[in-house]
Amino acid sequence: IIDSSVTVFEKDTKIGGIWRYEEPSNEKKKHRPMYRGLRTNLPKELMAYREFPWGNGNDFEEASYVTHEQVYDYMKRYKSKYDLERFIKYGSEVTGLNLVKDTATPEGEGEEEE
């Protein structure tokens, strides 16, 4: 169950972050640490979310160190399966963060015991 008050702020206009490769153009400087032939430095078995094992059939036959395209595809499938699109606010760069006291939580509730 996902708390409907959650908002994910994504700087870009699409999901994927650094895993979404775009060919650099003359007008747009390359701003991602990505190159066309990139493979992960962690095996997909460690990268997968516990509730969403890697693979859509053929992926299990692929190498453990997958390409950026495979990571991007995995992220899109995860987003679709769990209907996460409704929580993502694209084109929203976070430039600061202020911590505020949660006044909705009764005093002492949710605190760890020593």
C-alpha atoms as a PDB file:
ATOM      1  CA  ILE A   1       0.000   0.000   0.000  1.00  0.00           C
ATOM      2  CA  ILE A   2       1.386   3.367  -1.006  1.00  0.00           C
ATOM      3  CA  ASP A   3       0.673   6.494   1.003  1.00  0.00           C
ATOM      4  CA  SER A   4      -1.167   8.783  -1.407  1.00  0.00           C
ATOM      5  CA  SER A   5       0.478  11.856   0.126  1.00  0.00           C
ATOM      6  CA  VAL A   6       3.867  10.856  -1.311  1.00  0.00           C
ATOM      7  CA  THR A   7       5.282  13.033  -4.096  1.00  0.00           C
ATOM      8  CA  VAL A   8       8.356  12.136  -6.129  1.00  0.00           C
ATOM      9  CA  PHE A   9      10.082  15.149  -7.640  1.00  0.00           C
ATOM     10  CA  GLU A  10      11.883  14.419 -10.911  1.00  0.00           C
ATOM     11  CA  LYS A  11      14.044  17.124 -12.436  1.00  0.00           C
ATOM     12  CA  ASP A  12      13.694  15.736 -15.946  1.00  0.00           C
ATOM     13  CA  THR A  13      10.542  15.491 -18.054  1.00  0.00           C
ATOM     14  CA  LYS A  14      10.633  11.660 -18.193  1.00  0.00           C
ATOM     15  CA  ILE A  15      11.390   8.784 -15.852  1.00  0.00           C
ATOM     16  CA  GLY A  16      14.844   7.233 -15.879  1.00  0.00           C
ATOM     17  CA  GLY A  17      17.294   9.749 -14.511  1.00  0.00           C
ATOM     18  CA  ILE A  18      20.833   8.846 -15.472  1.00  0.00           C
ATOM     19  CA  TRP A  19      19.673   5.521 -16.948  1.00  0.00           C
ATOM     20  CA  ARG A  20      17.816   7.228 -19.796  1.00  0.00           C
ATOM     21  CA  TYR A  21      20.459   7.734 -22.454  1.00  0.00           C
ATOM     22  CA  GLU A  22      20.035  10.526 -24.967  1.00  0.00           C
ATOM     23  CA  GLU A  23      22.342  11.167 -27.872  1.00  0.00           C
ATOM     24  CA  PRO A  24      23.948  14.569 -27.200  1.00  0.00           C
ATOM     25  CA  SER A  25      23.012  17.300 -29.652  1.00  0.00           C
ATOM     26  CA  ASN A  26      24.767  20.519 -30.620  1.00  0.00           C
ATOM     27  CA  GLU A  27      22.214  22.649 -28.744  1.00  0.00           C
ATOM     28  CA  LYS A  28      22.113  20.475 -25.637  1.00  0.00           C
ATOM     29  CA  LYS A  29      25.232  19.772 -23.631  1.00  0.00           C
ATOM     30  CA  LYS A  30      25.575  16.221 -22.418  1.00  0.00           C
ATOM     31  CA  HIS A  31      24.666  16.300 -18.738  1.00  0.00           C
ATOM     32  CA  ARG A  32      24.360  12.629 -17.830  1.00  0.00           C
ATOM     33  CA  PRO A  33      27.254  10.348 -16.853  1.00  0.00           C
ATOM     34  CA  MET A  34      26.092   7.943 -19.515  1.00  0.00           C
ATOM     35  CA  TYR A  35      27.572   6.590 -22.702  1.00  0.00           C
ATOM     36  CA  ARG A  36      26.049   4.386 -25.349  1.00  0.00           C
ATOM     37  CA  GLY A  37      27.710   1.052 -24.421  1.00  0.00           C
ATOM     38  CA  LEU A  38      27.395   1.398 -20.626  1.00  0.00           C
ATOM     39  CA  ARG A  39      26.765  -1.690 -18.508  1.00  0.00           C
ATOM     40  CA  THR A  40      26.076  -1.637 -14.788  1.00  0.00           C
ATOM     41  CA  ASN A  41      28.836  -2.258 -12.258  1.00  0.00           C
ATOM     42  CA  LEU A  42      26.448  -4.261 -10.055  1.00  0.00           C
ATOM     43  CA  PRO A  43      24.708  -7.468 -11.084  1.00  0.00           C
ATOM     44  CA  LYS A  44      21.007  -7.137 -11.855  1.00  0.00           C
ATOM     45  CA  GLU A  45      20.291  -9.652  -9.093  1.00  0.00           C
ATOM     46  CA  LEU A  46      21.460  -7.043  -6.552  1.00  0.00           C
ATOM     47  CA  MET A  47      19.841  -4.085  -8.318  1.00  0.00           C
ATOM     48  CA  ALA A  48      16.331  -5.558  -8.486  1.00  0.00           C
ATOM     49  CA  TYR A  49      13.642  -4.476  -6.061  1.00  0.00           C
ATOM     50  CA  ARG A  50      12.696  -7.300  -3.692  1.00  0.00           C
ATOM     51  CA  GLU A  51       9.023  -7.171  -4.675  1.00  0.00           C
ATOM     52  CA  PHE A  52       9.792  -7.014  -8.398  1.00  0.00           C
ATOM     53  CA  PRO A  53      12.377  -9.592  -9.527  1.00  0.00           C
ATOM     54  CA  TRP A  54      14.336  -8.732 -12.636  1.00  0.00           C
ATOM     55  CA  GLY A  55      13.108 -10.117 -15.887  1.00  0.00           C
ATOM     56  CA  ASN A  56      10.206 -10.137 -18.257  1.00  0.00           C
ATOM     57  CA  GLY A  57      10.941 -13.509 -19.756  1.00  0.00           C
ATOM     58  CA  ASN A  58      14.128 -13.109 -21.749  1.00  0.00           C
ATOM     59  CA  ASP A  59      16.013 -10.952 -19.225  1.00  0.00           C
ATOM     60  CA  PHE A  60      16.970 -13.980 -17.131  1.00  0.00           C
ATOM     61  CA  GLU A  61      19.009 -15.232 -20.052  1.00  0.00           C
ATOM     62  CA  GLU A  62      20.911 -11.942 -20.245  1.00  0.00           C
ATOM     63  CA  ALA A  63      24.211 -11.288 -18.513  1.00  0.00           C
ATOM     64  CA  SER A  64      24.130 -10.249 -14.867  1.00  0.00           C
ATOM     65  CA  TYR A  65      25.714  -6.899 -15.743  1.00  0.00           C
ATOM     66  CA  VAL A  66      22.990  -5.333 -17.827  1.00  0.00           C
ATOM     67  CA  THR A  67      22.947  -2.354 -20.167  1.00  0.00           C
ATOM     68  CA  HIS A  68      21.510   1.054 -19.371  1.00  0.00           C
ATOM     69  CA  GLU A  69      18.636   0.273 -21.751  1.00  0.00           C
ATOM     70  CA  GLN A  70      17.722  -2.795 -19.689  1.00  0.00           C
ATOM     71  CA  VAL A  71      17.818  -0.791 -16.438  1.00  0.00           C
ATOM     72  CA  TYR A  72      15.638   1.905 -18.001  1.00  0.00           C
ATOM     73  CA  ASP A  73      13.168  -0.716 -19.231  1.00  0.00           C
ATOM     74  CA  TYR A  74      13.085  -2.331 -15.772  1.00  0.00           C
ATOM     75  CA  MET A  75      12.303   1.054 -14.179  1.00  0.00           C
ATOM     76  CA  LYS A  76       9.475   1.722 -16.637  1.00  0.00           C
ATOM     77  CA  ARG A  77       7.952  -1.730 -15.966  1.00  0.00           C
ATOM     78  CA  TYR A  78       8.213  -1.180 -12.189  1.00  0.00           C
ATOM     79  CA  LYS A  79       6.513   2.211 -12.487  1.00  0.00           C
ATOM     80  CA  SER A  80       3.700   0.680 -14.562  1.00  0.00           C
ATOM     81  CA  LYS A  81       3.175  -2.390 -12.390  1.00  0.00           C
ATOM     82  CA  TYR A  82       2.754  -0.343  -9.212  1.00  0.00           C
ATOM     83  CA  ASP A  83       0.946   2.597 -10.851  1.00  0.00           C
ATOM     84  CA  LEU A  84       3.588   5.070  -9.656  1.00  0.00           C
ATOM     85  CA  GLU A  85       3.111   7.637 -12.425  1.00  0.00           C
ATOM     86  CA  ARG A  86       0.464   9.447 -10.363  1.00  0.00           C
ATOM     87  CA  PHE A  87       3.044  10.239  -7.651  1.00  0.00           C
ATOM     88  CA  ILE A  88       5.741  11.673  -9.940  1.00  0.00           C
ATOM     89  CA  LYS A  89       5.965  15.398 -10.566  1.00  0.00           C
ATOM     90  CA  TYR A  90       8.190  15.860 -13.617  1.00  0.00           C
ATOM     91  CA  GLY A  91      10.171  18.998 -14.375  1.00  0.00           C
ATOM     92  CA  SER A  92      10.589  19.670 -10.646  1.00  0.00           C
ATOM     93  CA  GLU A  93      14.138  20.271  -9.484  1.00  0.00           C
ATOM     94  CA  VAL A  94      14.692  20.098  -5.736  1.00  0.00           C
ATOM     95  CA  THR A  95      17.077  22.878  -4.735  1.00  0.00           C
ATOM     96  CA  GLY A  96      16.656  22.799  -0.964  1.00  0.00           C
ATOM     97  CA  LEU A  97      15.075  20.949   1.911  1.00  0.00           C
ATOM     98  CA  ASN A  98      13.835  22.168   5.271  1.00  0.00           C
ATOM     99  CA  LEU A  99      12.986  19.735   8.036  1.00  0.00           C
ATOM    100  CA  VAL A 100       9.841  20.554   9.986  1.00  0.00           C
ATOM    101  CA  LYS A 101       8.430  18.939  13.090  1.00  0.00           C
ATOM    102  CA  ASP A 102       5.597  16.559  12.298  1.00  0.00           C
ATOM    103  CA  THR A 103       2.713  18.001  14.293  1.00  0.00           C
ATOM    104  CA  ALA A 104       0.333  15.280  13.067  1.00  0.00           C
ATOM    105  CA  THR A 105       2.162  12.549  15.019  1.00  0.00           C
ATOM    106  CA  PRO A 106       1.399  12.326  18.767  1.00  0.00           C
ATOM    107  CA  GLU A 107       4.442  12.981  20.979  1.00  0.00           C
ATOM    108  CA  GLY A 108       6.628   9.882  21.343  1.00  0.00           C
ATOM    109  CA  GLU A 109       4.806   7.844  18.707  1.00  0.00           C
ATOM    110  CA  GLY A 110       7.122   6.422  16.095  1.00  0.00           C
ATOM    111  CA  GLU A 111      10.261   7.024  18.165  1.00  0.00           C
ATOM    112  CA  GLU A 112      12.655   4.153  18.727  1.00  0.00           C
ATOM    113  CA  GLU A 113      12.988   2.686  22.203  1.00  0.00           C
ATOM    114  CA  GLU A 114      16.444   2.587  23.733  1.00  0.00           C
END
